């Protein structure tokens, strides 16, 4: 029984890795709202250094893109190293 549990655990861990749901993603979730400052740009995922976001408005997309470099810098301060390299935002 323990062997089956270990096998399932490794499958779940691999799936989390492929989806970008590692420890860095959970840190990102916890600081996202604080750093973005509104709920108009929602966090959708994180993989290979890229944060994926969505918004409903072209105005918010434009504003977000103007602040993107600054936001990347602030997010990386929480990690203590460069984890976030890019943020891609799209309109829903």
N, C-alpha and C. Protein backbone atom coordinates (compact mmCIF):
# COMPACT_ATOMS: atom_id res chain seq x y z
N UNK A 1 0.82 -1.20 0.00
CA UNK A 1 0.00 0.00 0.00
C UNK A 1 0.86 1.26 0.00
N UNK A 2 1.94 1.27 0.77
CA UNK A 2 2.81 2.44 0.82
C UNK A 2 3.46 2.72 -0.53
N UNK A 3 3.78 1.66 -1.27
CA UNK A 3 4.38 1.86 -2.59
C UNK A 3 3.41 2.58 -3.52
N UNK A 4 2.15 2.20 -3.47
CA UNK A 4 1.14 2.86 -4.30
C UNK A 4 1.01 4.33 -3.93
N UNK A 5 1.05 4.63 -2.66
CA UNK A 5 0.93 6.01 -2.21
C UNK A 5 2.13 6.82 -2.69
N UNK A 6 3.31 6.28 -2.61
CA UNK A 6 4.49 6.99 -3.09
C UNK A 6 4.41 7.23 -4.60
N UNK A 7 3.93 6.25 -5.32
CA UNK A 7 3.81 6.39 -6.77
C UNK A 7 2.81 7.49 -7.13
N UNK A 8 1.68 7.50 -6.48
CA UNK A 8 0.67 8.53 -6.73
C UNK A 8 1.24 9.90 -6.36
N UNK A 9 1.95 9.96 -5.27
CA UNK A 9 2.56 11.21 -4.84
C UNK A 9 3.54 11.74 -5.88
N UNK A 10 4.33 10.87 -6.46
CA UNK A 10 5.28 11.32 -7.47
C UNK A 10 4.56 11.79 -8.73
N UNK A 11 3.45 11.17 -9.07
CA UNK A 11 2.66 11.61 -10.22
C UNK A 11 2.07 12.98 -9.96
N UNK A 12 1.54 13.19 -8.78
CA UNK A 12 0.96 14.49 -8.41
C UNK A 12 2.05 15.56 -8.43
N UNK A 13 3.22 15.25 -7.89
CA UNK A 13 4.32 16.21 -7.88
C UNK A 13 4.76 16.56 -9.30
N UNK A 14 4.82 15.58 -10.17
CA UNK A 14 5.19 15.84 -11.56
C UNK A 14 4.14 16.70 -12.26
N UNK A 15 2.88 16.42 -12.01
CA UNK A 15 1.79 17.21 -12.59
C UNK A 15 1.86 18.66 -12.10
N UNK A 16 2.09 18.85 -10.80
CA UNK A 16 2.22 20.20 -10.26
C UNK A 16 3.38 20.93 -10.92
N UNK A 17 4.48 20.24 -11.13
CA UNK A 17 5.65 20.85 -11.77
C UNK A 17 5.34 21.27 -13.20
N UNK A 18 4.67 20.40 -13.95
CA UNK A 18 4.33 20.71 -15.34
C UNK A 18 3.36 21.88 -15.44
N UNK A 19 2.50 22.04 -14.46
CA UNK A 19 1.54 23.14 -14.45
C UNK A 19 2.11 24.41 -13.83
N UNK A 20 3.33 24.32 -13.32
CA UNK A 20 3.94 25.49 -12.70
C UNK A 20 3.43 25.75 -11.30
N UNK A 21 2.93 24.74 -10.63
CA UNK A 21 2.37 24.90 -9.29
C UNK A 21 3.38 24.47 -8.22
N UNK A 22 4.54 25.12 -8.22
CA UNK A 22 5.55 24.79 -7.23
C UNK A 22 5.48 25.79 -6.08
N UNK A 23 6.43 25.72 -5.17
CA UNK A 23 6.44 26.61 -4.01
C UNK A 23 6.49 28.08 -4.42
N UNK A 24 7.19 28.37 -5.50
CA UNK A 24 7.27 29.75 -5.98
C UNK A 24 5.89 30.29 -6.35
N UNK A 25 5.05 29.44 -6.92
CA UNK A 25 3.71 29.87 -7.30
C UNK A 25 2.89 30.24 -6.06
N UNK A 26 3.05 29.48 -4.99
CA UNK A 26 2.28 29.76 -3.79
C UNK A 26 2.75 31.05 -3.12
N UNK A 27 4.03 31.34 -3.19
CA UNK A 27 4.53 32.63 -2.70
C UNK A 27 3.95 33.75 -3.55
N UNK A 28 3.95 33.53 -4.86
CA UNK A 28 3.42 34.53 -5.79
C UNK A 28 1.95 34.82 -5.50
N UNK A 29 1.18 33.80 -5.26
CA UNK A 29 -0.24 33.99 -4.93
C UNK A 29 -0.39 34.85 -3.68
N UNK A 30 0.43 34.58 -2.69
CA UNK A 30 0.28 35.29 -1.41
C UNK A 30 0.63 36.77 -1.51
N UNK A 31 1.49 37.17 -2.45
CA UNK A 31 1.88 38.58 -2.55
C UNK A 31 1.24 39.31 -3.74
N UNK A 32 0.58 38.58 -4.61
CA UNK A 32 0.04 39.18 -5.83
C UNK A 32 -0.91 40.34 -5.53
N UNK A 33 -1.93 40.10 -4.72
CA UNK A 33 -2.94 41.14 -4.46
C UNK A 33 -2.31 42.36 -3.79
N UNK A 34 -1.39 42.12 -2.88
CA UNK A 34 -0.73 43.23 -2.20
C UNK A 34 0.05 44.09 -3.19
N UNK A 35 0.75 43.48 -4.11
CA UNK A 35 1.60 44.22 -5.04
C UNK A 35 0.83 44.81 -6.21
N UNK A 36 -0.18 44.13 -6.69
CA UNK A 36 -0.94 44.64 -7.83
C UNK A 36 -1.90 45.74 -7.38
N UNK A 37 -2.47 45.58 -6.19
CA UNK A 37 -3.26 46.65 -5.61
C UNK A 37 -4.71 46.69 -6.04
N UNK A 38 -5.13 45.84 -6.93
CA UNK A 38 -6.55 45.78 -7.29
C UNK A 38 -6.86 44.37 -7.79
N UNK A 39 -8.12 44.11 -8.00
CA UNK A 39 -8.50 42.78 -8.48
C UNK A 39 -8.87 42.81 -9.97
N UNK A 40 -8.41 43.83 -10.67
CA UNK A 40 -8.73 43.97 -12.09
C UNK A 40 -7.79 43.16 -12.98
N UNK A 41 -6.65 42.76 -12.43
CA UNK A 41 -5.72 41.90 -13.16
C UNK A 41 -5.55 40.65 -12.32
N UNK A 42 -6.05 39.53 -12.83
CA UNK A 42 -6.02 38.30 -12.04
C UNK A 42 -4.86 37.39 -12.45
N UNK A 43 -4.31 36.75 -11.47
CA UNK A 43 -3.22 35.81 -11.67
C UNK A 43 -3.78 34.50 -12.18
N UNK A 44 -3.21 33.99 -13.29
CA UNK A 44 -3.70 32.73 -13.87
C UNK A 44 -2.70 31.60 -13.82
N UNK A 45 -1.41 31.91 -13.71
CA UNK A 45 -0.43 30.85 -13.67
C UNK A 45 0.98 31.38 -13.64
N UNK A 46 1.90 30.46 -13.44
CA UNK A 46 3.32 30.80 -13.38
C UNK A 46 4.10 29.60 -13.87
N UNK A 47 4.92 29.82 -14.90
CA UNK A 47 5.72 28.72 -15.42
C UNK A 47 6.97 29.27 -16.09
N UNK A 48 8.11 28.65 -15.79
CA UNK A 48 9.39 28.99 -16.40
C UNK A 48 9.70 30.48 -16.31
N UNK A 49 9.40 31.08 -15.18
CA UNK A 49 9.73 32.48 -14.97
C UNK A 49 8.72 33.48 -15.50
N UNK A 50 7.66 33.00 -16.11
CA UNK A 50 6.64 33.88 -16.67
C UNK A 50 5.36 33.77 -15.86
N UNK A 51 4.83 34.93 -15.46
CA UNK A 51 3.56 35.01 -14.77
C UNK A 51 2.49 35.27 -15.83
N UNK A 52 1.41 34.52 -15.78
CA UNK A 52 0.31 34.68 -16.74
C UNK A 52 -0.87 35.31 -16.01
N UNK A 53 -1.39 36.40 -16.61
CA UNK A 53 -2.48 37.14 -16.00
C UNK A 53 -3.55 37.45 -17.04
N UNK A 54 -4.72 37.85 -16.53
CA UNK A 54 -5.82 38.25 -17.42
C UNK A 54 -6.54 39.46 -16.83
N UNK A 55 -7.10 40.24 -17.71
CA UNK A 55 -7.91 41.39 -17.29
C UNK A 55 -9.09 41.53 -18.26
N UNK A 56 -10.08 42.28 -17.85
CA UNK A 56 -11.26 42.45 -18.69
C UNK A 56 -11.20 43.72 -19.52
N UNK A 57 -10.23 44.58 -19.29
CA UNK A 57 -10.24 45.90 -19.89
C UNK A 57 -8.91 46.24 -20.54
N UNK A 58 -8.97 46.85 -21.71
CA UNK A 58 -7.76 47.31 -22.39
C UNK A 58 -7.08 48.41 -21.59
N UNK A 59 -7.85 49.19 -20.86
CA UNK A 59 -7.30 50.26 -20.02
C UNK A 59 -6.43 49.64 -18.93
N UNK A 60 -6.93 48.61 -18.26
CA UNK A 60 -6.15 47.95 -17.21
C UNK A 60 -4.93 47.26 -17.80
N UNK A 61 -5.07 46.70 -18.99
CA UNK A 61 -3.94 46.05 -19.65
C UNK A 61 -2.84 47.07 -19.93
N UNK A 62 -3.20 48.23 -20.44
CA UNK A 62 -2.23 49.27 -20.73
C UNK A 62 -1.54 49.74 -19.45
N UNK A 63 -2.32 50.03 -18.42
CA UNK A 63 -1.77 50.47 -17.14
C UNK A 63 -0.84 49.41 -16.56
N UNK A 64 -1.26 48.17 -16.64
CA UNK A 64 -0.46 47.07 -16.10
C UNK A 64 0.87 46.95 -16.85
N UNK A 65 0.82 47.07 -18.16
CA UNK A 65 2.05 46.98 -18.96
C UNK A 65 3.02 48.11 -18.64
N UNK A 66 2.51 49.28 -18.29
CA UNK A 66 3.38 50.39 -17.91
C UNK A 66 4.10 50.10 -16.59
N UNK A 67 3.47 49.34 -15.71
CA UNK A 67 4.04 49.05 -14.40
C UNK A 67 4.75 47.69 -14.33
N UNK A 68 4.80 46.98 -15.44
CA UNK A 68 5.27 45.59 -15.44
C UNK A 68 6.71 45.44 -14.93
N UNK A 69 7.64 46.22 -15.41
CA UNK A 69 9.04 46.09 -14.99
C UNK A 69 9.20 46.34 -13.49
N UNK A 70 8.52 47.35 -13.00
CA UNK A 70 8.57 47.65 -11.57
C UNK A 70 7.96 46.51 -10.75
N UNK A 71 6.87 45.95 -11.22
CA UNK A 71 6.21 44.85 -10.53
C UNK A 71 7.10 43.61 -10.51
N UNK A 72 7.76 43.31 -11.61
CA UNK A 72 8.67 42.16 -11.66
C UNK A 72 9.77 42.33 -10.60
N UNK A 73 10.31 43.52 -10.52
CA UNK A 73 11.36 43.80 -9.54
C UNK A 73 10.86 43.60 -8.12
N UNK A 74 9.67 44.12 -7.82
CA UNK A 74 9.11 43.98 -6.47
C UNK A 74 8.79 42.53 -6.14
N UNK A 75 8.24 41.80 -7.09
CA UNK A 75 7.93 40.39 -6.84
C UNK A 75 9.20 39.60 -6.54
N UNK A 76 10.25 39.86 -7.30
CA UNK A 76 11.50 39.13 -7.08
C UNK A 76 12.13 39.45 -5.72
N UNK A 77 11.83 40.59 -5.16
CA UNK A 77 12.32 40.91 -3.82
C UNK A 77 11.78 39.94 -2.78
N UNK A 78 10.58 39.44 -2.98
CA UNK A 78 10.00 38.46 -2.05
C UNK A 78 10.74 37.12 -2.13
N UNK A 79 11.23 36.79 -3.31
CA UNK A 79 11.94 35.53 -3.49
C UNK A 79 13.41 35.63 -3.09
N UNK A 80 13.94 36.83 -3.09
CA UNK A 80 15.35 37.02 -2.77
C UNK A 80 16.27 36.68 -3.93
N UNK A 81 15.69 36.41 -5.08
CA UNK A 81 16.45 36.14 -6.31
C UNK A 81 15.50 36.31 -7.48
N UNK A 82 16.05 36.26 -8.69
CA UNK A 82 15.22 36.46 -9.88
C UNK A 82 14.47 35.17 -10.22
N UNK A 83 13.20 35.17 -9.89
CA UNK A 83 12.31 34.05 -10.22
C UNK A 83 11.38 34.49 -11.34
N UNK A 84 10.82 35.69 -11.21
CA UNK A 84 9.90 36.24 -12.21
C UNK A 84 10.72 36.99 -13.25
N UNK A 85 10.63 36.54 -14.49
CA UNK A 85 11.37 37.18 -15.58
C UNK A 85 10.46 37.98 -16.50
N UNK A 86 9.19 37.59 -16.55
CA UNK A 86 8.25 38.26 -17.47
C UNK A 86 6.84 38.09 -16.92
N UNK A 87 5.98 39.01 -17.31
CA UNK A 87 4.56 38.89 -17.00
C UNK A 87 3.80 39.10 -18.29
N UNK A 88 2.97 38.14 -18.63
CA UNK A 88 2.13 38.26 -19.82
C UNK A 88 0.69 38.46 -19.37
N UNK A 89 0.09 39.50 -19.89
CA UNK A 89 -1.29 39.82 -19.55
C UNK A 89 -2.12 39.85 -20.82
N UNK A 90 -3.29 39.25 -20.77
CA UNK A 90 -4.19 39.24 -21.92
C UNK A 90 -5.58 39.67 -21.48
N UNK A 91 -6.36 40.10 -22.44
CA UNK A 91 -7.74 40.49 -22.19
C UNK A 91 -8.61 39.25 -22.30
N UNK A 92 -9.51 39.10 -21.33
CA UNK A 92 -10.42 37.94 -21.31
C UNK A 92 -11.31 37.93 -22.52
